[in-house]
Amino acid sequence: MFSLKNIYIYFGFNRLLQKNANYFKKIIYLFIIIKSAYWLLNYNLLFGTNSIVTIKKFSDLGFISDLAFYLYGSAQVNAAYWFLSIALLLGFLGVFKKQIYILNDFLLWLIVINIHNRIYPVLSGGDFLLNQLLFFNIFIGYSHKKTDPSYSVITHNFGVAGIILQLCWVYFIAGWAKLQSEDWMNGNAILLTFKTTHFSNDFFISLIEKTPFLFIFANYFLIAYQLLFPLLIWFKKIKKPMLFVGIVIHLLIAFGMGLVTFGLVMLIPYIFLWPLKQDEQLN
């Protein structure tokens, strides 16, 4: 029978998707390592004295907000080196250690927030989603035994549910926004995007000239996919096909349009939707 007590018993004593969660944590730490290495390779461009990102002085925002903007307001040119080095260290610890404490994940989230606030003008929607994934990652833990205290199970389940709901919300809002756009509603949005050389290449431009109807079909298919994803993804028989379609879409965005961070970050939450047989000792 549905009751608050039953909900507590389920969420308080049953870890949700623990095997998926273990993969999720490893992958997100690996992604942070790659991003940090990229930031270091482009340090002068993004963080140097002549960086493409301008800094404006701002008044005190309050203690909590100041923590998120510490790097932005720092007068030290080399301050970002420390942030990137710590992000790398925490990423490697996350990949290679079997047990990661909540403080490590909180610090990683706060450091990435600082880095993103410092280079805000060059971010994409994927970077903002990464912020949310790292936040929920704080609550998600590795499980090694059934006797974990109930509070750790509840926080773990909060993190897992938060990521799944975040993904569904992103898709629905993206689809809803497309319904308000004239270009999307008349079927031209994807055509116009791939005609723009910055987001395309010779292959796609040639394909548009030969088969424009494919891009018009893709336009309406994408709207339907995003609007229906939060509902259809729960049907077992079509879950994998839905995920395969999403993987193709985001790989095209990442490597066809050049929006690598956005395309890949959108795929990370898929880990929690992919059906895996849960290990008995992890539940």
C-alpha atoms as a PDB file:
ATOM      1  CA  MET A   1       0.000   0.000   0.000  1.00  0.00           C
ATOM      2  CA  PHE A   2       1.271   3.496  -0.883  1.00  0.00           C
ATOM      3  CA  SER A   3       2.294   5.425   2.230  1.00  0.00           C
ATOM      4  CA  LEU A   4       5.045   7.696   3.480  1.00  0.00           C
ATOM      5  CA  LYS A   5       6.256   4.860   5.687  1.00  0.00           C
ATOM      6  CA  ASN A   6       6.616   2.530   2.701  1.00  0.00           C
ATOM      7  CA  ILE A   7       8.479   5.206   0.755  1.00  0.00           C
ATOM      8  CA  TYR A   8      10.904   5.646   3.663  1.00  0.00           C
ATOM      9  CA  ILE A   9      11.426   1.884   3.973  1.00  0.00           C
ATOM     10  CA  TYR A  10      12.198   1.586   0.241  1.00  0.00           C
ATOM     11  CA  PHE A  11      14.426   4.628  -0.105  1.00  0.00           C
ATOM     12  CA  GLY A  12      15.987   4.248   3.327  1.00  0.00           C
ATOM     13  CA  PHE A  13      17.120   0.639   2.956  1.00  0.00           C
ATOM     14  CA  ASN A  14      17.497   0.010  -0.777  1.00  0.00           C
ATOM     15  CA  ARG A  15      20.295   1.675  -2.690  1.00  0.00           C
ATOM     16  CA  LEU A  16      19.053   2.676  -6.137  1.00  0.00           C
ATOM     17  CA  LEU A  17      21.098   1.558  -9.159  1.00  0.00           C
ATOM     18  CA  GLN A  18      24.312   1.084  -7.179  1.00  0.00           C
ATOM     19  CA  LYS A  19      26.224  -0.595 -10.000  1.00  0.00           C
ATOM     20  CA  ASN A  20      25.235   2.214 -12.371  1.00  0.00           C
ATOM     21  CA  ALA A  21      26.283   4.726  -9.715  1.00  0.00           C
ATOM     22  CA  ASN A  22      29.754   3.207  -9.460  1.00  0.00           C
ATOM     23  CA  TYR A  23      30.223   3.579 -13.230  1.00  0.00           C
ATOM     24  CA  PHE A  24      28.802   7.106 -13.114  1.00  0.00           C
ATOM     25  CA  LYS A  25      31.287   8.262 -10.494  1.00  0.00           C
ATOM     26  CA  LYS A  26      34.279   6.818 -12.368  1.00  0.00           C
ATOM     27  CA  ILE A  27      33.182   8.406 -15.653  1.00  0.00           C
ATOM     28  CA  ILE A  28      32.492  11.848 -14.214  1.00  0.00           C
ATOM     29  CA  TYR A  29      35.900  11.880 -12.474  1.00  0.00           C
ATOM     30  CA  LEU A  30      37.543  10.858 -15.749  1.00  0.00           C
ATOM     31  CA  PHE A  31      35.679  13.638 -17.541  1.00  0.00           C
ATOM     32  CA  ILE A  32      36.986  16.169 -14.989  1.00  0.00           C
ATOM     33  CA  ILE A  33      40.547  14.941 -15.603  1.00  0.00           C
ATOM     34  CA  ILE A  34      40.146  15.476 -19.356  1.00  0.00           C
ATOM     35  CA  LYS A  35      38.530  18.904 -18.888  1.00  0.00           C
ATOM     36  CA  SER A  36      41.240  20.004 -16.439  1.00  0.00           C
ATOM     37  CA  ALA A  37      43.964  18.915 -18.855  1.00  0.00           C
ATOM     38  CA  TYR A  38      42.230  20.892 -21.626  1.00  0.00           C
ATOM     39  CA  TRP A  39      42.004  23.980 -19.391  1.00  0.00           C
ATOM     40  CA  LEU A  40      45.702  23.692 -18.520  1.00  0.00           C
ATOM     41  CA  LEU A  41      46.696  23.386 -22.181  1.00  0.00           C
ATOM     42  CA  ASN A  42      44.728  26.578 -22.907  1.00  0.00           C
ATOM     43  CA  TYR A  43      45.659  28.351 -19.676  1.00  0.00           C
ATOM     44  CA  ASN A  44      46.901  31.627 -21.169  1.00  0.00           C
ATOM     45  CA  LEU A  45      43.882  31.866 -23.461  1.00  0.00           C
ATOM     46  CA  LEU A  46      41.370  31.316 -20.652  1.00  0.00           C
ATOM     47  CA  PHE A  47      43.081  32.438 -17.444  1.00  0.00           C
ATOM     48  CA  GLY A  48      46.209  34.445 -18.387  1.00  0.00           C
ATOM     49  CA  THR A  49      46.732  38.196 -18.134  1.00  0.00           C
ATOM     50  CA  ASN A  50      45.640  38.589 -21.769  1.00  0.00           C
ATOM     51  CA  SER A  51      42.881  35.983 -21.702  1.00  0.00           C
ATOM     52  CA  ILE A  52      39.806  36.278 -23.906  1.00  0.00           C
ATOM     53  CA  VAL A  53      37.647  36.354 -20.766  1.00  0.00           C
ATOM     54  CA  THR A  54      37.278  39.781 -19.177  1.00  0.00           C
ATOM     55  CA  ILE A  55      36.913  40.219 -15.421  1.00  0.00           C
ATOM     56  CA  LYS A  56      34.672  42.835 -13.846  1.00  0.00           C
ATOM     57  CA  LYS A  57      34.992  43.883 -10.230  1.00  0.00           C
ATOM     58  CA  PHE A  58      31.908  43.230  -8.150  1.00  0.00           C
ATOM     59  CA  SER A  59      30.769  44.068  -4.656  1.00  0.00           C
ATOM     60  CA  ASP A  60      30.562  41.525  -1.861  1.00  0.00           C
ATOM     61  CA  LEU A  61      27.964  38.870  -2.711  1.00  0.00           C
ATOM     62  CA  GLY A  62      27.782  37.270   0.704  1.00  0.00           C
ATOM     63  CA  PHE A  63      29.803  34.419   2.179  1.00  0.00           C
ATOM     64  CA  ILE A  64      28.170  31.555   0.259  1.00  0.00           C
ATOM     65  CA  SER A  65      28.253  33.289  -3.132  1.00  0.00           C
ATOM     66  CA  ASP A  66      31.800  34.513  -2.535  1.00  0.00           C
ATOM     67  CA  LEU A  67      32.929  30.890  -2.205  1.00  0.00           C
ATOM     68  CA  ALA A  68      31.681  30.223  -5.732  1.00  0.00           C
ATOM     69  CA  PHE A  69      33.356  33.370  -7.126  1.00  0.00           C
ATOM     70  CA  TYR A  70      36.659  33.208  -5.250  1.00  0.00           C
ATOM     71  CA  LEU A  71      38.693  32.469  -8.384  1.00  0.00           C
ATOM     72  CA  TYR A  72      36.810  35.103 -10.390  1.00  0.00           C
ATOM     73  CA  GLY A  73      37.693  37.803  -7.880  1.00  0.00           C
ATOM     74  CA  SER A  74      41.268  36.669  -7.243  1.00  0.00           C
ATOM     75  CA  ALA A  75      43.985  39.175  -8.147  1.00  0.00           C
ATOM     76  CA  GLN A  76      46.543  36.378  -8.542  1.00  0.00           C
ATOM     77  CA  VAL A  77      47.106  35.456 -12.187  1.00  0.00           C
ATOM     78  CA  ASN A  78      48.326  31.988 -11.228  1.00  0.00           C
ATOM     79  CA  ALA A  79      45.452  31.230  -8.832  1.00  0.00           C
ATOM     80  CA  ALA A  80      43.731  29.129 -11.488  1.00  0.00           C
ATOM     81  CA  TYR A  81      46.758  26.794 -11.572  1.00  0.00           C
ATOM     82  CA  TRP A  82      45.955  25.773  -8.000  1.00  0.00           C
ATOM     83  CA  PHE A  83      42.293  25.207  -8.790  1.00  0.00           C
ATOM     84  CA  LEU A  84      43.068  23.142 -11.880  1.00  0.00           C
ATOM     85  CA  SER A  85      45.747  21.130 -10.073  1.00  0.00           C
ATOM     86  CA  ILE A  86      43.369  20.288  -7.229  1.00  0.00           C
ATOM     87  CA  ALA A  87      40.641  19.372  -9.732  1.00  0.00           C
ATOM     88  CA  LEU A  88      43.099  17.007 -11.442  1.00  0.00           C
ATOM     89  CA  LEU A  89      44.133  15.483  -8.116  1.00  0.00           C
ATOM     90  CA  LEU A  90      40.540  14.933  -7.001  1.00  0.00           C
ATOM     91  CA  GLY A  91      39.707  13.470 -10.405  1.00  0.00           C
ATOM     92  CA  PHE A  92      42.551  10.944 -10.173  1.00  0.00           C
ATOM     93  CA  LEU A  93      41.594  10.055  -6.599  1.00  0.00           C
ATOM     94  CA  GLY A  94      38.036   9.466  -7.749  1.00  0.00           C
ATOM     95  CA  VAL A  95      39.101   7.197 -10.606  1.00  0.00           C
ATOM     96  CA  PHE A  96      41.616   5.071  -8.699  1.00  0.00           C
ATOM     97  CA  LYS A  97      40.343   4.977  -5.105  1.00  0.00           C
ATOM     98  CA  LYS A  98      37.554   2.603  -4.111  1.00  0.00           C
ATOM     99  CA  GLN A  99      36.207   4.891  -1.397  1.00  0.00           C
ATOM    100  CA  ILE A 100      35.610   8.623  -1.907  1.00  0.00           C
ATOM    101  CA  TYR A 101      34.366  10.788   0.935  1.00  0.00           C
ATOM    102  CA  ILE A 102      31.654  13.406   0.630  1.00  0.00           C
ATOM    103  CA  LEU A 103      34.161  16.195   1.381  1.00  0.00           C
ATOM    104  CA  ASN A 104      36.198  15.249  -1.713  1.00  0.00           C
ATOM    105  CA  ASP A 105      33.131  15.458  -3.944  1.00  0.00           C
ATOM    106  CA  PHE A 106      31.963  18.712  -2.358  1.00  0.00           C
ATOM    107  CA  LEU A 107      35.394  20.276  -2.903  1.00  0.00           C
ATOM    108  CA  LEU A 108      35.473  19.082  -6.529  1.00  0.00           C
ATOM    109  CA  TRP A 109      32.033  20.597  -7.180  1.00  0.00           C
ATOM    110  CA  LEU A 110      33.054  23.915  -5.586  1.00  0.00           C
ATOM    111  CA  ILE A 111      36.321  24.073  -7.547  1.00  0.00           C
ATOM    112  CA  VAL A 112      34.598  23.393 -10.888  1.00  0.00           C
ATOM    113  CA  ILE A 113      31.952  26.016 -10.041  1.00  0.00           C
ATOM    114  CA  ASN A 114      34.773  28.527  -9.458  1.00  0.00           C
ATOM    115  CA  ILE A 115      36.464  27.612 -12.742  1.00  0.00           C
ATOM    116  CA  HIS A 116      33.189  27.890 -14.657  1.00  0.00           C
ATOM    117  CA  ASN A 117      32.392  31.272 -13.093  1.00  0.00           C
ATOM    118  CA  ARG A 118      35.868  32.482 -14.086  1.00  0.00           C
ATOM    119  CA  ILE A 119      35.441  31.506 -17.769  1.00  0.00           C
ATOM    120  CA  TYR A 120      31.669  31.990 -17.941  1.00  0.00           C
ATOM    121  CA  PRO A 121      31.540  33.582 -21.465  1.00  0.00           C
ATOM    122  CA  VAL A 122      33.043  30.482 -23.126  1.00  0.00           C
ATOM    123  CA  LEU A 123      30.764  27.907 -21.488  1.00  0.00           C
ATOM    124  CA  SER A 124      28.009  25.870 -23.115  1.00  0.00           C
ATOM    125  CA  GLY A 125      24.865  24.311 -21.721  1.00  0.00           C
ATOM    126  CA  GLY A 126      26.882  21.152 -21.102  1.00  0.00           C
ATOM    127  CA  ASP A 127      29.063  22.975 -18.577  1.00  0.00           C
ATOM    128  CA  PHE A 128      26.003  24.117 -16.635  1.00  0.00           C
ATOM    129  CA  LEU A 129      24.660  20.556 -16.613  1.00  0.00           C
ATOM    130  CA  LEU A 130      28.071  19.371 -15.402  1.00  0.00           C
ATOM    131  CA  ASN A 131      27.666  21.682 -12.400  1.00  0.00           C
ATOM    132  CA  GLN A 132      24.413  19.928 -11.532  1.00  0.00           C
ATOM    133  CA  LEU A 133      25.836  16.444 -12.035  1.00  0.00           C
ATOM    134  CA  LEU A 134      28.764  17.233  -9.741  1.00  0.00           C
ATOM    135  CA  PHE A 135      26.354  18.562  -7.121  1.00  0.00           C
ATOM    136  CA  PHE A 136      24.278  15.371  -7.093  1.00  0.00           C
ATOM    137  CA  ASN A 137      27.508  13.346  -7.222  1.00  0.00           C
ATOM    138  CA  ILE A 138      28.242  14.649  -3.708  1.00  0.00           C
ATOM    139  CA  PHE A 139      25.393  12.531  -2.360  1.00  0.00           C
ATOM    140  CA  ILE A 140      26.062   9.403  -4.407  1.00  0.00           C
ATOM    141  CA  GLY A 141      28.345   6.892  -2.716  1.00  0.00           C
ATOM    142  CA  TYR A 142      30.085   3.615  -3.343  1.00  0.00           C
ATOM    143  CA  SER A 143      28.551   0.741  -1.409  1.00  0.00           C
ATOM    144  CA  HIS A 144      30.592  -2.193  -0.180  1.00  0.00           C
ATOM    145  CA  LYS A 145      28.235  -3.810   2.323  1.00  0.00           C
ATOM    146  CA  LYS A 146      24.562  -4.148   3.121  1.00  0.00           C
ATOM    147  CA  THR A 147      24.929  -2.660   6.599  1.00  0.00           C
ATOM    148  CA  ASP A 148      25.384   0.930   5.416  1.00  0.00           C
ATOM    149  CA  PRO A 149      23.467   3.317   7.695  1.00  0.00           C
ATOM    150  CA  SER A 150      20.064   4.356   6.383  1.00  0.00           C
ATOM    151  CA  TYR A 151      21.016   8.049   6.121  1.00  0.00           C
ATOM    152  CA  SER A 152      23.775   7.226   3.591  1.00  0.00           C
ATOM    153  CA  VAL A 153      21.287   5.174   1.572  1.00  0.00           C
ATOM    154  CA  ILE A 154      18.782   8.044   1.574  1.00  0.00           C
ATOM    155  CA  THR A 155      21.379  10.610   0.457  1.00  0.00           C
ATOM    156  CA  HIS A 156      22.622   8.214  -2.232  1.00  0.00           C
ATOM    157  CA  ASN A 157      19.092   7.723  -3.549  1.00  0.00           C
ATOM    158  CA  PHE A 158      18.509  11.486  -3.489  1.00  0.00           C
ATOM    159  CA  GLY A 159      21.545  11.966  -5.737  1.00  0.00           C
ATOM    160  CA  VAL A 160      20.521   9.217  -8.162  1.00  0.00           C
ATOM    161  CA  ALA A 161      16.921  10.441  -8.412  1.00  0.00           C
ATOM    162  CA  GLY A 162      18.130  14.031  -8.791  1.00  0.00           C
ATOM    163  CA  ILE A 163      20.278  13.188 -11.820  1.00  0.00           C
ATOM    164  CA  ILE A 164      17.539  11.198 -13.561  1.00  0.00           C
ATOM    165  CA  LEU A 165      14.960  13.929 -12.964  1.00  0.00           C
ATOM    166  CA  GLN A 166      17.459  16.586 -14.093  1.00  0.00           C
ATOM    167  CA  LEU A 167      17.971  14.797 -17.413  1.00  0.00           C
ATOM    168  CA  CYS A 168      14.231  14.378 -17.985  1.00  0.00           C
ATOM    169  CA  TRP A 169      13.649  18.034 -17.122  1.00  0.00           C
ATOM    170  CA  VAL A 170      16.374  19.215 -19.521  1.00  0.00           C
ATOM    171  CA  TYR A 171      14.837  17.245 -22.374  1.00  0.00           C
ATOM    172  CA  PHE A 172      11.285  18.384 -21.691  1.00  0.00           C
ATOM    173  CA  ILE A 173      12.211  22.070 -21.361  1.00  0.00           C
ATOM    174  CA  ALA A 174      14.349  21.877 -24.525  1.00  0.00           C
ATOM    175  CA  GLY A 175      11.443  20.341 -26.437  1.00  0.00           C
ATOM    176  CA  TRP A 176       8.953  22.844 -25.022  1.00  0.00           C
ATOM    177  CA  ALA A 177      11.219  25.759 -25.983  1.00  0.00           C
ATOM    178  CA  LYS A 178      11.377  24.440 -29.546  1.00  0.00           C
ATOM    179  CA  LEU A 179       7.582  24.632 -29.735  1.00  0.00           C
ATOM    180  CA  GLN A 180       7.899  28.380 -29.176  1.00  0.00           C
ATOM    181  CA  SER A 181      10.474  28.816 -31.972  1.00  0.00           C
ATOM    182  CA  GLU A 182       9.374  29.681 -35.505  1.00  0.00           C
ATOM    183  CA  ASP A 183      12.414  28.017 -37.100  1.00  0.00           C
ATOM    184  CA  TRP A 184      11.781  24.761 -35.262  1.00  0.00           C
ATOM    185  CA  MET A 185       8.062  24.763 -35.969  1.00  0.00           C
ATOM    186  CA  ASN A 186       8.504  25.361 -39.709  1.00  0.00           C
ATOM    187  CA  GLY A 187      11.132  22.586 -39.898  1.00  0.00           C
ATOM    188  CA  ASN A 188      14.136  24.744 -40.785  1.00  0.00           C
ATOM    189  CA  ALA A 189      16.120  24.837 -37.518  1.00  0.00           C
ATOM    190  CA  ILE A 190      18.434  21.874 -38.150  1.00  0.00           C
ATOM    191  CA  LEU A 191      18.811  22.827 -41.828  1.00  0.00           C
ATOM    192  CA  LEU A 192      19.915  26.338 -40.866  1.00  0.00           C
ATOM    193  CA  THR A 193      22.271  25.013 -38.191  1.00  0.00           C
ATOM    194  CA  PHE A 194      24.099  22.645 -40.523  1.00  0.00           C
ATOM    195  CA  LYS A 195      24.287  25.309 -43.233  1.00  0.00           C
ATOM    196  CA  THR A 196      26.340  27.387 -40.782  1.00  0.00           C
ATOM    197  CA  THR A 197      29.976  26.451 -41.411  1.00  0.00           C
ATOM    198  CA  HIS A 198      30.927  26.948 -37.742  1.00  0.00           C
ATOM    199  CA  PHE A 199      28.601  24.085 -36.751  1.00  0.00           C
ATOM    200  CA  SER A 200      28.979  21.943 -39.859  1.00  0.00           C
ATOM    201  CA  ASN A 201      31.375  20.479 -42.414  1.00  0.00           C
ATOM    202  CA  ASP A 202      31.480  19.642 -46.115  1.00  0.00           C
ATOM    203  CA  PHE A 203      29.768  16.279 -45.591  1.00  0.00           C
ATOM    204  CA  PHE A 204      26.677  17.724 -43.915  1.00  0.00           C
ATOM    205  CA  ILE A 205      26.482  20.693 -46.297  1.00  0.00           C
ATOM    206  CA  SER A 206      26.574  18.283 -49.259  1.00  0.00           C
ATOM    207  CA  LEU A 207      23.954  16.075 -47.584  1.00  0.00           C
ATOM    208  CA  ILE A 208      21.634  19.062 -47.134  1.00  0.00           C
ATOM    209  CA  GLU A 209      21.794  19.815 -50.860  1.00  0.00           C
ATOM    210  CA  LYS A 210      20.987  16.199 -51.794  1.00  0.00           C
ATOM    211  CA  THR A 211      18.457  15.225 -49.124  1.00  0.00           C
ATOM    212  CA  PRO A 212      17.015  18.287 -47.356  1.00  0.00           C
ATOM    213  CA  PHE A 213      13.940  16.274 -46.332  1.00  0.00           C
ATOM    214  CA  LEU A 214      16.102  14.211 -43.942  1.00  0.00           C
ATOM    215  CA  PHE A 215      16.948  17.325 -41.950  1.00  0.00           C
ATOM    216  CA  ILE A 216      13.316  18.447 -41.911  1.00  0.00           C
ATOM    217  CA  PHE A 217      12.306  15.008 -40.603  1.00  0.00           C
ATOM    218  CA  ALA A 218      15.105  15.147 -37.999  1.00  0.00           C
ATOM    219  CA  ASN A 219      13.833  18.574 -36.936  1.00  0.00           C
ATOM    220  CA  TYR A 220      10.363  17.302 -35.962  1.00  0.00           C
ATOM    221  CA  PHE A 221      11.676  13.968 -34.707  1.00  0.00           C
ATOM    222  CA  LEU A 222      13.967  15.745 -32.242  1.00  0.00           C
ATOM    223  CA  ILE A 223      11.107  17.855 -30.879  1.00  0.00           C
ATOM    224  CA  ALA A 224       8.988  14.738 -30.331  1.00  0.00           C
ATOM    225  CA  TYR A 225      11.928  12.831 -28.830  1.00  0.00           C
ATOM    226  CA  GLN A 226      12.697  15.518 -26.264  1.00  0.00           C
ATOM    227  CA  LEU A 227       9.076  16.050 -25.241  1.00  0.00           C
ATOM    228  CA  LEU A 228       8.313  12.335 -24.915  1.00  0.00           C
ATOM    229  CA  PHE A 229      11.631  11.203 -23.401  1.00  0.00           C
ATOM    230  CA  PRO A 230      10.580  11.771 -19.741  1.00  0.00           C
ATOM    231  CA  LEU A 231       7.596   9.464 -20.314  1.00  0.00           C
ATOM    232  CA  LEU A 232       8.783   6.803 -22.778  1.00  0.00           C
ATOM    233  CA  ILE A 233      12.104   6.133 -21.060  1.00  0.00           C
ATOM    234  CA  TRP A 234      10.273   4.218 -18.308  1.00  0.00           C
ATOM    235  CA  PHE A 235       8.877   1.603 -20.702  1.00  0.00           C
ATOM    236  CA  LYS A 236      11.241  -1.367 -20.562  1.00  0.00           C
ATOM    237  CA  LYS A 237      10.707  -2.570 -24.140  1.00  0.00           C
ATOM    238  CA  ILE A 238      11.677   0.752 -25.719  1.00  0.00           C
ATOM    239  CA  LYS A 239      14.200   1.994 -23.145  1.00  0.00           C
ATOM    240  CA  LYS A 240      17.301   0.779 -25.000  1.00  0.00           C
ATOM    241  CA  PRO A 241      16.122   2.056 -28.428  1.00  0.00           C
ATOM    242  CA  MET A 242      15.383   5.440 -26.819  1.00  0.00           C
ATOM    243  CA  LEU A 243      18.859   5.535 -25.313  1.00  0.00           C
ATOM    244  CA  PHE A 244      20.532   4.442 -28.566  1.00  0.00           C
ATOM    245  CA  VAL A 245      18.773   7.286 -30.406  1.00  0.00           C
ATOM    246  CA  GLY A 246      19.932   9.740 -27.747  1.00  0.00           C
ATOM    247  CA  ILE A 247      23.505   8.472 -27.998  1.00  0.00           C
ATOM    248  CA  VAL A 248      23.512   9.037 -31.770  1.00  0.00           C
ATOM    249  CA  ILE A 249      22.020  12.531 -31.356  1.00  0.00           C
ATOM    250  CA  HIS A 250      24.582  13.639 -28.792  1.00  0.00           C
ATOM    251  CA  LEU A 251      27.553  12.125 -30.612  1.00  0.00           C
ATOM    252  CA  LEU A 252      26.459  14.090 -33.704  1.00  0.00           C
ATOM    253  CA  ILE A 253      26.245  17.238 -31.579  1.00  0.00           C
ATOM    254  CA  ALA A 254      29.669  16.542 -30.055  1.00  0.00           C
ATOM    255  CA  PHE A 255      31.645  15.575 -33.143  1.00  0.00           C
ATOM    256  CA  GLY A 256      29.425  16.737 -36.011  1.00  0.00           C
ATOM    257  CA  MET A 257      28.688  20.223 -34.694  1.00  0.00           C
ATOM    258  CA  GLY A 258      31.811  20.592 -32.559  1.00  0.00           C
ATOM    259  CA  LEU A 259      29.945  21.097 -29.249  1.00  0.00           C
ATOM    260  CA  VAL A 260      32.019  18.396 -27.568  1.00  0.00           C
ATOM    261  CA  THR A 261      31.389  19.246 -23.916  1.00  0.00           C
ATOM    262  CA  PHE A 262      27.643  19.611 -24.396  1.00  0.00           C
ATOM    263  CA  GLY A 263      27.298  16.410 -26.404  1.00  0.00           C
ATOM    264  CA  LEU A 264      29.327  14.251 -24.025  1.00  0.00           C
ATOM    265  CA  VAL A 265      27.998  15.659 -20.744  1.00  0.00           C
ATOM    266  CA  MET A 266      24.440  14.949 -21.884  1.00  0.00           C
ATOM    267  CA  LEU A 267      25.395  11.282 -22.231  1.00  0.00           C
ATOM    268  CA  ILE A 268      26.792  10.864 -18.709  1.00  0.00           C
ATOM    269  CA  PRO A 269      23.358  10.654 -16.966  1.00  0.00           C
ATOM    270  CA  TYR A 270      22.395   7.886 -19.404  1.00  0.00           C
ATOM    271  CA  ILE A 271      24.399   5.566 -17.157  1.00  0.00           C
ATOM    272  CA  PHE A 272      21.544   5.591 -14.643  1.00  0.00           C
ATOM    273  CA  LEU A 273      18.967   4.710 -17.285  1.00  0.00           C
ATOM    274  CA  TRP A 274      20.903   1.858 -18.864  1.00  0.00           C
ATOM    275  CA  PRO A 275      19.578  -1.476 -17.521  1.00  0.00           C
ATOM    276  CA  LEU A 276      22.278  -3.316 -15.577  1.00  0.00           C
ATOM    277  CA  LYS A 277      21.954  -6.381 -13.392  1.00  0.00           C
ATOM    278  CA  GLN A 278      22.626  -5.120  -9.879  1.00  0.00           C
ATOM    279  CA  ASP A 279      25.144  -7.076  -7.800  1.00  0.00           C
ATOM    280  CA  GLU A 280      23.520  -8.628  -4.739  1.00  0.00           C
ATOM    281  CA  GLN A 281      26.261  -7.438  -2.390  1.00  0.00           C
ATOM    282  CA  LEU A 282      25.849  -3.839  -3.527  1.00  0.00           C
ATOM    283  CA  ASN A 283      22.130  -3.546  -2.821  1.00  0.00           C
END
